[in-house]
PDB file of all heavy atoms in Angstrom:
ATOM      1  N   ALA A   1     139.176  61.877  84.516  1.00  0.00           N
ATOM      2  CA  ALA A   1     140.457  61.197  84.316  1.00  0.00           C
ATOM      3  C   ALA A   1     141.311  61.151  85.578  1.00  0.00           C
ATOM      4  O   ALA A   1     142.257  60.392  85.654  1.00  0.00           O
ATOM      5  CB  ALA A   1     141.241  61.894  83.201  1.00  0.00           C
ATOM      6  N   GLY A   2     141.004  61.986  86.551  1.00  0.00           N
ATOM      7  CA  GLY A   2     141.790  61.975  87.784  1.00  0.00           C
ATOM      8  C   GLY A   2     142.302  63.326  88.217  1.00  0.00           C
ATOM      9  O   GLY A   2     143.133  63.428  89.106  1.00  0.00           O
ATOM     10  N   GLY A   3     141.839  64.392  87.587  1.00  0.00           N
ATOM     11  CA  GLY A   3     142.204  65.739  88.012  1.00  0.00           C
ATOM     12  C   GLY A   3     143.412  66.309  87.293  1.00  0.00           C
ATOM     13  O   GLY A   3     143.946  65.731  86.352  1.00  0.00           O
ATOM     14  N   LEU A   4     143.843  67.463  87.766  1.00  0.00           N
ATOM     15  CA  LEU A   4     144.919  68.204  87.108  1.00  0.00           C
ATOM     16  C   LEU A   4     146.212  67.429  86.916  1.00  0.00           C
ATOM     17  O   LEU A   4     146.851  67.552  85.864  1.00  0.00           O
ATOM     18  CB  LEU A   4     145.181  69.509  87.863  1.00  0.00           C
ATOM     19  CG  LEU A   4     144.047  70.529  87.845  1.00  0.00           C
ATOM     20  CD1 LEU A   4     144.428  71.754  88.663  1.00  0.00           C
ATOM     21  CD2 LEU A   4     143.676  70.912  86.427  1.00  0.00           C
ATOM     22  N   PRO A   5     146.646  66.610  87.879  1.00  0.00           N
ATOM     23  CA  PRO A   5     147.904  65.878  87.663  1.00  0.00           C
ATOM     24  C   PRO A   5     147.857  64.937  86.452  1.00  0.00           C
ATOM     25  O   PRO A   5     148.886  64.599  85.886  1.00  0.00           O
ATOM     26  CB  PRO A   5     148.091  65.084  88.959  1.00  0.00           C
ATOM     27  CG  PRO A   5     147.303  65.830  89.980  1.00  0.00           C
ATOM     28  CD  PRO A   5     146.132  66.401  89.226  1.00  0.00           C
ATOM     29  N   VAL A   6     146.668  64.513  86.068  1.00  0.00           N
ATOM     30  CA  VAL A   6     146.528  63.631  84.909  1.00  0.00           C
ATOM     31  C   VAL A   6     146.584  64.440  83.611  1.00  0.00           C
ATOM     32  O   VAL A   6     147.030  63.953  82.590  1.00  0.00           O
ATOM     33  CB  VAL A   6     145.206  62.833  85.002  1.00  0.00           C
ATOM     34  CG1 VAL A   6     144.954  62.026  83.751  1.00  0.00           C
ATOM     35  CG2 VAL A   6     145.228  61.937  86.227  1.00  0.00           C
ATOM     36  N   LEU A   7     146.142  65.689  83.666  1.00  0.00           N
ATOM     37  CA  LEU A   7     146.094  66.529  82.471  1.00  0.00           C
ATOM     38  C   LEU A   7     147.406  67.256  82.192  1.00  0.00           C
ATOM     39  O   LEU A   7     147.781  67.447  81.043  1.00  0.00           O
ATOM     40  CB  LEU A   7     144.978  67.574  82.598  1.00  0.00           C
ATOM     41  CG  LEU A   7     143.552  67.071  82.695  1.00  0.00           C
ATOM     42  CD1 LEU A   7     142.597  68.244  82.897  1.00  0.00           C
ATOM     43  CD2 LEU A   7     143.166  66.261  81.476  1.00  0.00           C
ATOM     44  N   PHE A   8     148.075  67.706  83.260  1.00  0.00           N
ATOM     45  CA  PHE A   8     149.228  68.589  83.101  1.00  0.00           C
ATOM     46  C   PHE A   8     150.533  67.929  83.527  1.00  0.00           C
ATOM     47  O   PHE A   8     150.594  67.236  84.537  1.00  0.00           O
ATOM     48  CB  PHE A   8     149.044  69.870  83.924  1.00  0.00           C
ATOM     49  CG  PHE A   8     147.958  70.753  83.401  1.00  0.00           C
ATOM     50  CD1 PHE A   8     146.679  70.664  83.899  1.00  0.00           C
ATOM     51  CD2 PHE A   8     148.219  71.670  82.394  1.00  0.00           C
ATOM     52  CE1 PHE A   8     145.665  71.476  83.410  1.00  0.00           C
ATOM     53  CE2 PHE A   8     147.227  72.484  81.900  1.00  0.00           C
ATOM     54  CZ  PHE A   8     145.943  72.386  82.411  1.00  0.00           C
ATOM     55  N   LYS A   9     151.572  68.207  82.768  1.00  0.00           N
ATOM     56  CA  LYS A   9     152.927  67.826  83.142  1.00  0.00           C
ATOM     57  C   LYS A   9     153.478  68.900  84.075  1.00  0.00           C
ATOM     58  O   LYS A   9     152.922  69.999  84.169  1.00  0.00           O
ATOM     59  CB  LYS A   9     153.825  67.774  81.906  1.00  0.00           C
ATOM     60  CG  LYS A   9     153.433  66.741  80.890  1.00  0.00           C
ATOM     61  CD  LYS A   9     154.344  66.837  79.672  1.00  0.00           C
ATOM     62  CE  LYS A   9     153.975  65.831  78.608  1.00  0.00           C
ATOM     63  NZ  LYS A   9     154.815  65.972  77.402  1.00  0.00           N
ATOM     64  N   THR A  10     154.586  68.625  84.714  1.00  0.00           N
ATOM     65  CA  THR A  10     155.273  69.645  85.497  1.00  0.00           C
ATOM     66  C   THR A  10     155.804  70.700  84.538  1.00  0.00           C
ATOM     67  O   THR A  10     156.444  70.365  83.538  1.00  0.00           O
ATOM     68  CB  THR A  10     156.426  69.023  86.301  1.00  0.00           C
ATOM     69  OG1 THR A  10     155.883  68.028  87.173  1.00  0.00           O
ATOM     70  CG2 THR A  10     157.158  70.072  87.106  1.00  0.00           C
ATOM     71  N   ASN A  11     155.528  71.952  84.817  1.00  0.00           N
ATOM     72  CA  ASN A  11     155.982  73.050  83.956  1.00  0.00           C
ATOM     73  C   ASN A  11     157.468  73.280  84.190  1.00  0.00           C
ATOM     74  O   ASN A  11     157.874  73.765  85.233  1.00  0.00           O
ATOM     75  CB  ASN A  11     155.179  74.315  84.258  1.00  0.00           C
ATOM     76  CG  ASN A  11     155.513  75.454  83.318  1.00  0.00           C
ATOM     77  OD1 ASN A  11     156.429  75.361  82.512  1.00  0.00           O
ATOM     78  ND2 ASN A  11     154.756  76.522  83.420  1.00  0.00           N
ATOM     79  N   THR A  12     158.267  72.932  83.192  1.00  0.00           N
ATOM     80  CA  THR A  12     159.716  73.077  83.325  1.00  0.00           C
ATOM     81  C   THR A  12     160.225  74.408  82.790  1.00  0.00           C
ATOM     82  O   THR A  12     161.419  74.688  82.867  1.00  0.00           O
ATOM     83  CB  THR A  12     160.442  71.933  82.590  1.00  0.00           C
ATOM     84  OG1 THR A  12     160.068  71.961  81.207  1.00  0.00           O
ATOM     85  CG2 THR A  12     160.087  70.593  83.203  1.00  0.00           C
ATOM     86  N   ASN A  13     159.327  75.231  82.242  1.00  0.00           N
ATOM     87  CA  ASN A  13     159.740  76.516  81.693  1.00  0.00           C
ATOM     88  C   ASN A  13     158.707  77.596  82.021  1.00  0.00           C
ATOM     89  O   ASN A  13     158.105  78.184  81.122  1.00  0.00           O
ATOM     90  CB  ASN A  13     159.926  76.395  80.176  1.00  0.00           C
ATOM     91  CG  ASN A  13     160.713  77.540  79.597  1.00  0.00           C
ATOM     92  OD1 ASN A  13     160.970  78.529  80.271  1.00  0.00           O
ATOM     93  ND2 ASN A  13     161.081  77.431  78.345  1.00  0.00           N
ATOM     94  N   PRO A  14     158.479  77.866  83.308  1.00  0.00           N
ATOM     95  CA  PRO A  14     157.424  78.812  83.677  1.00  0.00           C
ATOM     96  C   PRO A  14     157.640  80.222  83.131  1.00  0.00           C
ATOM     97  O   PRO A  14     156.673  80.909  82.810  1.00  0.00           O
ATOM     98  CB  PRO A  14     157.426  78.789  85.207  1.00  0.00           C
ATOM     99  CG  PRO A  14     158.725  78.190  85.604  1.00  0.00           C
ATOM    100  CD  PRO A  14     159.161  77.317  84.479  1.00  0.00           C
ATOM    101  N   ALA A  15     158.871  80.660  82.995  1.00  0.00           N
ATOM    102  CA  ALA A  15     159.113  82.019  82.491  1.00  0.00           C
ATOM    103  C   ALA A  15     158.633  82.153  81.042  1.00  0.00           C
ATOM    104  O   ALA A  15     158.026  83.167  80.669  1.00  0.00           O
ATOM    105  CB  ALA A  15     160.598  82.372  82.594  1.00  0.00           C
ATOM    106  N   ALA A  16     158.884  81.138  80.236  1.00  0.00           N
ATOM    107  CA  ALA A  16     158.449  81.192  78.837  1.00  0.00           C
ATOM    108  C   ALA A  16     156.929  81.191  78.740  1.00  0.00           C
ATOM    109  O   ALA A  16     156.345  81.927  77.938  1.00  0.00           O
ATOM    110  CB  ALA A  16     159.035  80.016  78.057  1.00  0.00           C
ATOM    111  N   TRP A  17     156.269  80.377  79.564  1.00  0.00           N
ATOM    112  CA  TRP A  17     154.809  80.346  79.541  1.00  0.00           C
ATOM    113  C   TRP A  17     154.224  81.657  80.065  1.00  0.00           C
ATOM    114  O   TRP A  17     153.235  82.159  79.528  1.00  0.00           O
ATOM    115  CB  TRP A  17     154.287  79.149  80.336  1.00  0.00           C
ATOM    116  CG  TRP A  17     154.411  77.896  79.529  1.00  0.00           C
ATOM    117  CD1 TRP A  17     155.423  76.982  79.590  1.00  0.00           C
ATOM    118  CD2 TRP A  17     153.538  77.453  78.494  1.00  0.00           C
ATOM    119  NE1 TRP A  17     155.218  75.992  78.675  1.00  0.00           N
ATOM    120  CE2 TRP A  17     154.067  76.250  77.991  1.00  0.00           C
ATOM    121  CE3 TRP A  17     152.361  77.938  77.954  1.00  0.00           C
ATOM    122  CZ2 TRP A  17     153.456  75.528  76.963  1.00  0.00           C
ATOM    123  CZ3 TRP A  17     151.750  77.217  76.933  1.00  0.00           C
ATOM    124  CH2 TRP A  17     152.293  76.033  76.448  1.00  0.00           C
ATOM    125  N   ALA A  18     154.813  82.226  81.088  1.00  0.00           N
ATOM    126  CA  ALA A  18     154.337  83.513  81.599  1.00  0.00           C
ATOM    127  C   ALA A  18     154.465  84.590  80.527  1.00  0.00           C
ATOM    128  O   ALA A  18     153.566  85.416  80.344  1.00  0.00           O
ATOM    129  CB  ALA A  18     155.112  83.904  82.850  1.00  0.00           C
ATOM    130  N   ALA A  19     155.572  84.573  79.802  1.00  0.00           N
ATOM    131  CA  ALA A  19     155.764  85.548  78.714  1.00  0.00           C
ATOM    132  C   ALA A  19     154.714  85.352  77.630  1.00  0.00           C
ATOM    133  O   ALA A  19     154.180  86.326  77.083  1.00  0.00           O
ATOM    134  CB  ALA A  19     157.168  85.416  78.132  1.00  0.00           C
ATOM    135  N   ARG A  20     154.388  84.105  77.308  1.00  0.00           N
ATOM    136  CA  ARG A  20     153.380  83.834  76.270  1.00  0.00           C
ATOM    137  C   ARG A  20     152.005  84.302  76.715  1.00  0.00           C
ATOM    138  O   ARG A  20     151.247  84.875  75.936  1.00  0.00           O
ATOM    139  CB  ARG A  20     153.362  82.340  75.955  1.00  0.00           C
ATOM    140  CG  ARG A  20     152.380  81.917  74.880  1.00  0.00           C
ATOM    141  CD  ARG A  20     152.651  82.556  73.505  1.00  0.00           C
ATOM    142  NE  ARG A  20     153.970  82.331  73.002  1.00  0.00           N
ATOM    143  CZ  ARG A  20     154.327  81.367  72.163  1.00  0.00           C
ATOM    144  NH1 ARG A  20     153.438  80.518  71.733  1.00  0.00           N
ATOM    145  NH2 ARG A  20     155.564  81.266  71.762  1.00  0.00           N
ATOM    146  N   PHE A  21     151.659  84.063  77.989  1.00  0.00           N
ATOM    147  CA  PHE A  21     150.371  84.546  78.494  1.00  0.00           C
ATOM    148  C   PHE A  21     150.299  86.066  78.418  1.00  0.00           C
ATOM    149  O   PHE A  21     149.290  86.641  78.021  1.00  0.00           O
ATOM    150  CB  PHE A  21     150.134  84.080  79.935  1.00  0.00           C
ATOM    151  CG  PHE A  21     149.709  82.649  80.043  1.00  0.00           C
ATOM    152  CD1 PHE A  21     150.431  81.771  80.817  1.00  0.00           C
ATOM    153  CD2 PHE A  21     148.604  82.171  79.366  1.00  0.00           C
ATOM    154  CE1 PHE A  21     150.056  80.442  80.926  1.00  0.00           C
ATOM    155  CE2 PHE A  21     148.212  80.851  79.458  1.00  0.00           C
ATOM    156  CZ  PHE A  21     148.947  79.970  80.247  1.00  0.00           C
ATOM    157  N   THR A  22     151.363  86.738  78.800  1.00  0.00           N
ATOM    158  CA  THR A  22     151.406  88.193  78.743  1.00  0.00           C
ATOM    159  C   THR A  22     151.279  88.675  77.304  1.00  0.00           C
ATOM    160  O   THR A  22     150.528  89.608  77.001  1.00  0.00           O
ATOM    161  CB  THR A  22     152.709  88.720  79.372  1.00  0.00           C
ATOM    162  OG1 THR A  22     152.750  88.298  80.744  1.00  0.00           O
ATOM    163  CG2 THR A  22     152.792  90.231  79.304  1.00  0.00           C
ATOM    164  N   GLU A  23     151.991  88.037  76.408  1.00  0.00           N
ATOM    165  CA  GLU A  23     151.959  88.398  74.983  1.00  0.00           C
ATOM    166  C   GLU A  23     150.551  88.293  74.402  1.00  0.00           C
ATOM    167  O   GLU A  23     150.154  89.093  73.562  1.00  0.00           O
ATOM    168  CB  GLU A  23     152.897  87.460  74.220  1.00  0.00           C
ATOM    169  CG  GLU A  23     152.889  87.600  72.723  1.00  0.00           C
ATOM    170  CD  GLU A  23     153.743  86.520  72.070  1.00  0.00           C
ATOM    171  OE1 GLU A  23     154.769  86.111  72.652  1.00  0.00           O
ATOM    172  OE2 GLU A  23     153.373  86.083  70.975  1.00  0.00           O
ATOM    173  N   ASN A  24     149.778  87.320  74.859  1.00  0.00           N
ATOM    174  CA  ASN A  24     148.441  87.081  74.321  1.00  0.00           C
ATOM    175  C   ASN A  24     147.323  87.669  75.172  1.00  0.00           C
ATOM    176  O   ASN A  24     146.152  87.390  74.914  1.00  0.00           O
ATOM    177  CB  ASN A  24     148.230  85.576  74.138  1.00  0.00           C
ATOM    178  CG  ASN A  24     149.063  85.046  73.004  1.00  0.00           C
ATOM    179  OD1 ASN A  24     148.933  85.488  71.878  1.00  0.00           O
ATOM    180  ND2 ASN A  24     149.941  84.116  73.304  1.00  0.00           N
ATOM    181  N   ALA A  25     147.667  88.463  76.151  1.00  0.00           N
ATOM    182  CA  ALA A  25     146.655  89.058  77.019  1.00  0.00           C
ATOM    183  C   ALA A  25     145.825  90.083  76.248  1.00  0.00           C
ATOM    184  O   ALA A  25     146.338  90.764  75.353  1.00  0.00           O
ATOM    185  CB  ALA A  25     147.325  89.725  78.218  1.00  0.00           C
ATOM    186  N   PRO A  26     144.546  90.193  76.575  1.00  0.00           N
ATOM    187  CA  PRO A  26     143.701  91.196  75.916  1.00  0.00           C
ATOM    188  C   PRO A  26     144.292  92.591  76.079  1.00  0.00           C
ATOM    189  O   PRO A  26     144.822  92.933  77.130  1.00  0.00           O
ATOM    190  CB  PRO A  26     142.365  91.094  76.650  1.00  0.00           C
ATOM    191  CG  PRO A  26     142.394  89.797  77.354  1.00  0.00           C
ATOM    192  CD  PRO A  26     143.830  89.452  77.594  1.00  0.00           C
ATOM    193  N   GLY A  27     144.206  93.363  75.021  1.00  0.00           N
ATOM    194  CA  GLY A  27     144.678  94.738  75.081  1.00  0.00           C
ATOM    195  C   GLY A  27     146.114  94.921  74.631  1.00  0.00           C
ATOM    196  O   GLY A  27     146.572  96.040  74.448  1.00  0.00           O
ATOM    197  N   ARG A  28     146.838  93.832  74.430  1.00  0.00           N
ATOM    198  CA  ARG A  28     148.237  93.940  73.984  1.00  0.00           C
ATOM    199  C   ARG A  28     148.324  94.299  72.505  1.00  0.00           C
ATOM    200  O   ARG A  28     149.258  94.958  72.080  1.00  0.00           O
ATOM    201  CB  ARG A  28     148.980  92.631  74.235  1.00  0.00           C
ATOM    202  CG  ARG A  28     149.039  92.200  75.681  1.00  0.00           C
ATOM    203  CD  ARG A  28     150.014  92.958  76.471  1.00  0.00           C
ATOM    204  NE  ARG A  28     151.356  92.727  75.942  1.00  0.00           N
ATOM    205  CZ  ARG A  28     152.429  93.289  76.422  1.00  0.00           C
ATOM    206  NH1 ARG A  28     152.347  94.089  77.440  1.00  0.00           N
ATOM    207  NH2 ARG A  28     153.598  93.057  75.902  1.00  0.00           N
ATOM    208  N   LYS A  29     147.366  93.823  71.724  1.00  0.00           N
ATOM    209  CA  LYS A  29     147.332  94.102  70.290  1.00  0.00           C
ATOM    210  C   LYS A  29     145.910  94.465  69.900  1.00  0.00           C
ATOM    211  O   LYS A  29     144.951  93.957  70.472  1.00  0.00           O
ATOM    212  CB  LYS A  29     147.763  92.874  69.486  1.00  0.00           C
ATOM    213  CG  LYS A  29     149.179  92.439  69.749  1.00  0.00           C
ATOM    214  CD  LYS A  29     149.508  91.198  68.959  1.00  0.00           C
ATOM    215  CE  LYS A  29     150.909  90.712  69.317  1.00  0.00           C
ATOM    216  NZ  LYS A  29     151.200  89.421  68.720  1.00  0.00           N
ATOM    217  N   VAL A  30     145.780  95.313  68.904  1.00  0.00           N
ATOM    218  CA  VAL A  30     144.455  95.663  68.391  1.00  0.00           C
ATOM    219  C   VAL A  30     143.931  94.487  67.586  1.00  0.00           C
ATOM    220  O   VAL A  30     144.631  93.938  66.733  1.00  0.00           O
ATOM    221  CB  VAL A  30     144.523  96.932  67.512  1.00  0.00           C
ATOM    222  CG1 VAL A  30     143.168  97.240  66.903  1.00  0.00           C
ATOM    223  CG2 VAL A  30     145.017  98.111  68.331  1.00  0.00           C
ATOM    224  N   SER A  31     142.710  94.090  67.862  1.00  0.00           N
ATOM    225  CA  SER A  31     142.093  93.003  67.118  1.00  0.00           C
ATOM    226  C   SER A  31     141.863  93.433  65.675  1.00  0.00           C
ATOM    227  O   SER A  31     141.461  94.564  65.413  1.00  0.00           O
ATOM    228  CB  SER A  31     140.764  92.616  67.763  1.00  0.00           C
ATOM    229  OG  SER A  31     140.110  91.650  66.979  1.00  0.00           O
TER     230      SER A  31
END
């Protein structure tokens, strides 16, 4: 399709996404 710029929008809320990645990281919760 043309690479990452075609797939992704500019991230306007990086802090919220970083928090979500941390929240869902392995080891944060028992499966």
